[in-house]
Amino acid sequence: MTIYHIVLFKFKDLVPAEEDKDACNRMLALSTKCLHPTTKKTYVKILGGGKDNSPEGLQNGLTHAFIAQFENEEDRKYYLEADPAHREFVTSIKDIVDKAQVIDFTPGVF
């Protein structure tokens, strides 16, 4: 059962653009830094994202979007609750993110 994990950020207004970019690069690097506790291999199947460029104007202040794909609930649970690389990243951005929103979905489940 594939799970998509969508993360949206709004960086604080006074944070320099270079810090925003660095945080984004570190977020994307999780695709290679997050290793499965048993196999010691990467388990985040897809990780992509970047700065918003939608012309619709429905962002509600959110400025950056990322999407990750997990093969199953076990992998997502490990990522969210225990993966040291993910936990370190979350801690590293707490002072520069003004707002975060997360939504996950399984394709075809309505």
C-alpha atoms as a PDB file:
ATOM      1  CA  MET A   1       0.000   0.000   0.000  1.00  0.00           C
ATOM      2  CA  THR A   2       1.778   3.120  -1.254  1.00  0.00           C
ATOM      3  CA  ILE A   3       1.513   6.241   0.918  1.00  0.00           C
ATOM      4  CA  TYR A   4       2.227   9.763  -0.257  1.00  0.00           C
ATOM      5  CA  HIS A   5       3.350  12.254   2.396  1.00  0.00           C
ATOM      6  CA  ILE A   6       2.916  15.929   1.485  1.00  0.00           C
ATOM      7  CA  VAL A   7       4.630  18.623   3.551  1.00  0.00           C
ATOM      8  CA  LEU A   8       3.992  22.346   3.108  1.00  0.00           C
ATOM      9  CA  PHE A   9       6.061  25.111   4.723  1.00  0.00           C
ATOM     10  CA  LYS A  10       5.966  28.848   5.185  1.00  0.00           C
ATOM     11  CA  PHE A  11       9.352  30.110   6.244  1.00  0.00           C
ATOM     12  CA  LYS A  12       9.505  33.059   8.625  1.00  0.00           C
ATOM     13  CA  ASP A  13       9.579  36.398   6.813  1.00  0.00           C
ATOM     14  CA  LEU A  14      12.945  37.529   8.201  1.00  0.00           C
ATOM     15  CA  VAL A  15      14.764  34.298   7.395  1.00  0.00           C
ATOM     16  CA  PRO A  16      17.308  34.932   4.625  1.00  0.00           C
ATOM     17  CA  ALA A  17      16.513  33.242   1.302  1.00  0.00           C
ATOM     18  CA  GLU A  18      19.800  31.322   1.555  1.00  0.00           C
ATOM     19  CA  GLU A  19      18.599  29.680   4.800  1.00  0.00           C
ATOM     20  CA  ASP A  20      15.309  28.743   3.144  1.00  0.00           C
ATOM     21  CA  LYS A  21      17.200  27.196   0.243  1.00  0.00           C
ATOM     22  CA  ASP A  22      19.547  25.327   2.579  1.00  0.00           C
ATOM     23  CA  ALA A  23      16.587  23.899   4.508  1.00  0.00           C
ATOM     24  CA  CYS A  24      14.968  22.800   1.238  1.00  0.00           C
ATOM     25  CA  ASN A  25      18.153  21.093   0.095  1.00  0.00           C
ATOM     26  CA  ARG A  26      18.421  19.299   3.435  1.00  0.00           C
ATOM     27  CA  MET A  27      14.789  18.192   3.146  1.00  0.00           C
ATOM     28  CA  LEU A  28      15.463  16.736  -0.310  1.00  0.00           C
ATOM     29  CA  ALA A  29      18.636  15.059   0.978  1.00  0.00           C
ATOM     30  CA  LEU A  30      16.496  12.931   3.307  1.00  0.00           C
ATOM     31  CA  SER A  31      15.861  10.637   0.330  1.00  0.00           C
ATOM     32  CA  THR A  32      19.454   9.422   0.646  1.00  0.00           C
ATOM     33  CA  LYS A  33      20.028  10.023   4.368  1.00  0.00           C
ATOM     34  CA  CYS A  34      17.022   8.076   5.642  1.00  0.00           C
ATOM     35  CA  LEU A  35      18.047   4.440   5.965  1.00  0.00           C
ATOM     36  CA  HIS A  36      15.786   1.540   6.876  1.00  0.00           C
ATOM     37  CA  PRO A  37      16.647   0.233  10.362  1.00  0.00           C
ATOM     38  CA  THR A  38      16.857  -3.389   9.192  1.00  0.00           C
ATOM     39  CA  THR A  39      18.123  -3.284   5.599  1.00  0.00           C
ATOM     40  CA  LYS A  40      20.234  -0.119   6.033  1.00  0.00           C
ATOM     41  CA  LYS A  41      19.044   0.908   2.542  1.00  0.00           C
ATOM     42  CA  THR A  42      17.135   4.014   1.537  1.00  0.00           C
ATOM     43  CA  TYR A  43      13.391   3.575   1.869  1.00  0.00           C
ATOM     44  CA  VAL A  44      11.913   6.936   0.876  1.00  0.00           C
ATOM     45  CA  LYS A  45      10.845   5.987  -2.655  1.00  0.00           C
ATOM     46  CA  ILE A  46      10.288   9.490  -4.031  1.00  0.00           C
ATOM     47  CA  LEU A  47      11.169  12.830  -2.535  1.00  0.00           C
ATOM     48  CA  GLY A  48      10.712  16.009  -4.499  1.00  0.00           C
ATOM     49  CA  GLY A  49       9.672  19.549  -3.919  1.00  0.00           C
ATOM     50  CA  GLY A  50      10.494  23.202  -4.073  1.00  0.00           C
ATOM     51  CA  LYS A  51       9.208  26.755  -3.932  1.00  0.00           C
ATOM     52  CA  ASP A  52       5.590  27.389  -4.831  1.00  0.00           C
ATOM     53  CA  ASN A  53       4.895  28.763  -8.295  1.00  0.00           C
ATOM     54  CA  SER A  54       1.129  28.315  -8.578  1.00  0.00           C
ATOM     55  CA  PRO A  55      -0.708  31.215 -10.224  1.00  0.00           C
ATOM     56  CA  GLU A  56      -3.988  30.302  -8.483  1.00  0.00           C
ATOM     57  CA  GLY A  57      -3.370  32.293  -5.302  1.00  0.00           C
ATOM     58  CA  LEU A  58      -4.704  29.570  -2.997  1.00  0.00           C
ATOM     59  CA  GLN A  59      -1.518  28.960  -1.012  1.00  0.00           C
ATOM     60  CA  ASN A  60      -2.777  30.539   2.232  1.00  0.00           C
ATOM     61  CA  GLY A  61       0.722  31.802   2.942  1.00  0.00           C
ATOM     62  CA  LEU A  62       2.486  28.476   2.358  1.00  0.00           C
ATOM     63  CA  THR A  63       5.583  28.903   0.219  1.00  0.00           C
ATOM     64  CA  HIS A  64       7.224  25.500  -0.281  1.00  0.00           C
ATOM     65  CA  ALA A  65       5.916  21.999  -0.971  1.00  0.00           C
ATOM     66  CA  PHE A  66       7.472  18.544  -0.741  1.00  0.00           C
ATOM     67  CA  ILE A  67       6.152  15.080  -1.472  1.00  0.00           C
ATOM     68  CA  ALA A  68       7.578  11.759  -0.326  1.00  0.00           C
ATOM     69  CA  GLN A  69       6.437   8.271  -1.206  1.00  0.00           C
ATOM     70  CA  PHE A  70       6.576   5.330   1.170  1.00  0.00           C
ATOM     71  CA  GLU A  71       6.007   1.705   0.242  1.00  0.00           C
ATOM     72  CA  ASN A  72       3.994   0.924   3.368  1.00  0.00           C
ATOM     73  CA  GLU A  73       2.733   2.128   6.739  1.00  0.00           C
ATOM     74  CA  GLU A  74       5.704   0.620   8.576  1.00  0.00           C
ATOM     75  CA  ASP A  75       8.167   2.764   6.593  1.00  0.00           C
ATOM     76  CA  ARG A  76       6.128   5.933   7.075  1.00  0.00           C
ATOM     77  CA  LYS A  77       5.808   5.255  10.801  1.00  0.00           C
ATOM     78  CA  TYR A  78       9.572   4.773  11.148  1.00  0.00           C
ATOM     79  CA  TYR A  79      10.226   7.966   9.173  1.00  0.00           C
ATOM     80  CA  LEU A  80       7.875  10.032  11.312  1.00  0.00           C
ATOM     81  CA  GLU A  81       8.666   8.585  14.715  1.00  0.00           C
ATOM     82  CA  ALA A  82      12.185   7.222  14.780  1.00  0.00           C
ATOM     83  CA  ASP A  83      14.395   7.939  11.773  1.00  0.00           C
ATOM     84  CA  PRO A  84      17.340   9.927  13.182  1.00  0.00           C
ATOM     85  CA  ALA A  85      17.954  11.819   9.924  1.00  0.00           C
ATOM     86  CA  HIS A  86      14.332  12.963   9.752  1.00  0.00           C
ATOM     87  CA  ARG A  87      14.219  13.857  13.441  1.00  0.00           C
ATOM     88  CA  GLU A  88      17.417  15.892  13.095  1.00  0.00           C
ATOM     89  CA  PHE A  89      15.961  17.745  10.106  1.00  0.00           C
ATOM     90  CA  VAL A  90      12.718  18.564  11.931  1.00  0.00           C
ATOM     91  CA  THR A  91      14.681  19.932  14.878  1.00  0.00           C
ATOM     92  CA  SER A  92      16.919  21.972  12.582  1.00  0.00           C
ATOM     93  CA  ILE A  93      14.043  23.912  10.990  1.00  0.00           C
ATOM     94  CA  LYS A  94      11.916  24.654  14.046  1.00  0.00           C
ATOM     95  CA  ASP A  95      13.275  28.198  14.379  1.00  0.00           C
ATOM     96  CA  ILE A  96      12.906  29.172  10.712  1.00  0.00           C
ATOM     97  CA  VAL A  97       9.489  27.724   9.826  1.00  0.00           C
ATOM     98  CA  ASP A  98       6.483  29.885  10.594  1.00  0.00           C
ATOM     99  CA  LYS A  99       3.860  27.371   9.499  1.00  0.00           C
ATOM    100  CA  ALA A 100       3.862  23.708   8.479  1.00  0.00           C
ATOM    101  CA  GLN A 101       1.056  21.588   7.131  1.00  0.00           C
ATOM    102  CA  VAL A 102       1.135  17.868   6.408  1.00  0.00           C
ATOM    103  CA  ILE A 103      -1.310  15.601   4.639  1.00  0.00           C
ATOM    104  CA  ASP A 104      -0.870  11.989   3.621  1.00  0.00           C
ATOM    105  CA  PHE A 105      -2.891   9.837   1.281  1.00  0.00           C
ATOM    106  CA  THR A 106      -3.074   6.352  -0.164  1.00  0.00           C
ATOM    107  CA  PRO A 107      -4.007   6.384  -3.865  1.00  0.00           C
ATOM    108  CA  GLY A 108      -7.556   5.196  -4.476  1.00  0.00           C
ATOM    109  CA  VAL A 109      -8.667   5.410  -0.845  1.00  0.00           C
ATOM    110  CA  PHE A 110     -11.513   7.906  -0.623  1.00  0.00           C
END
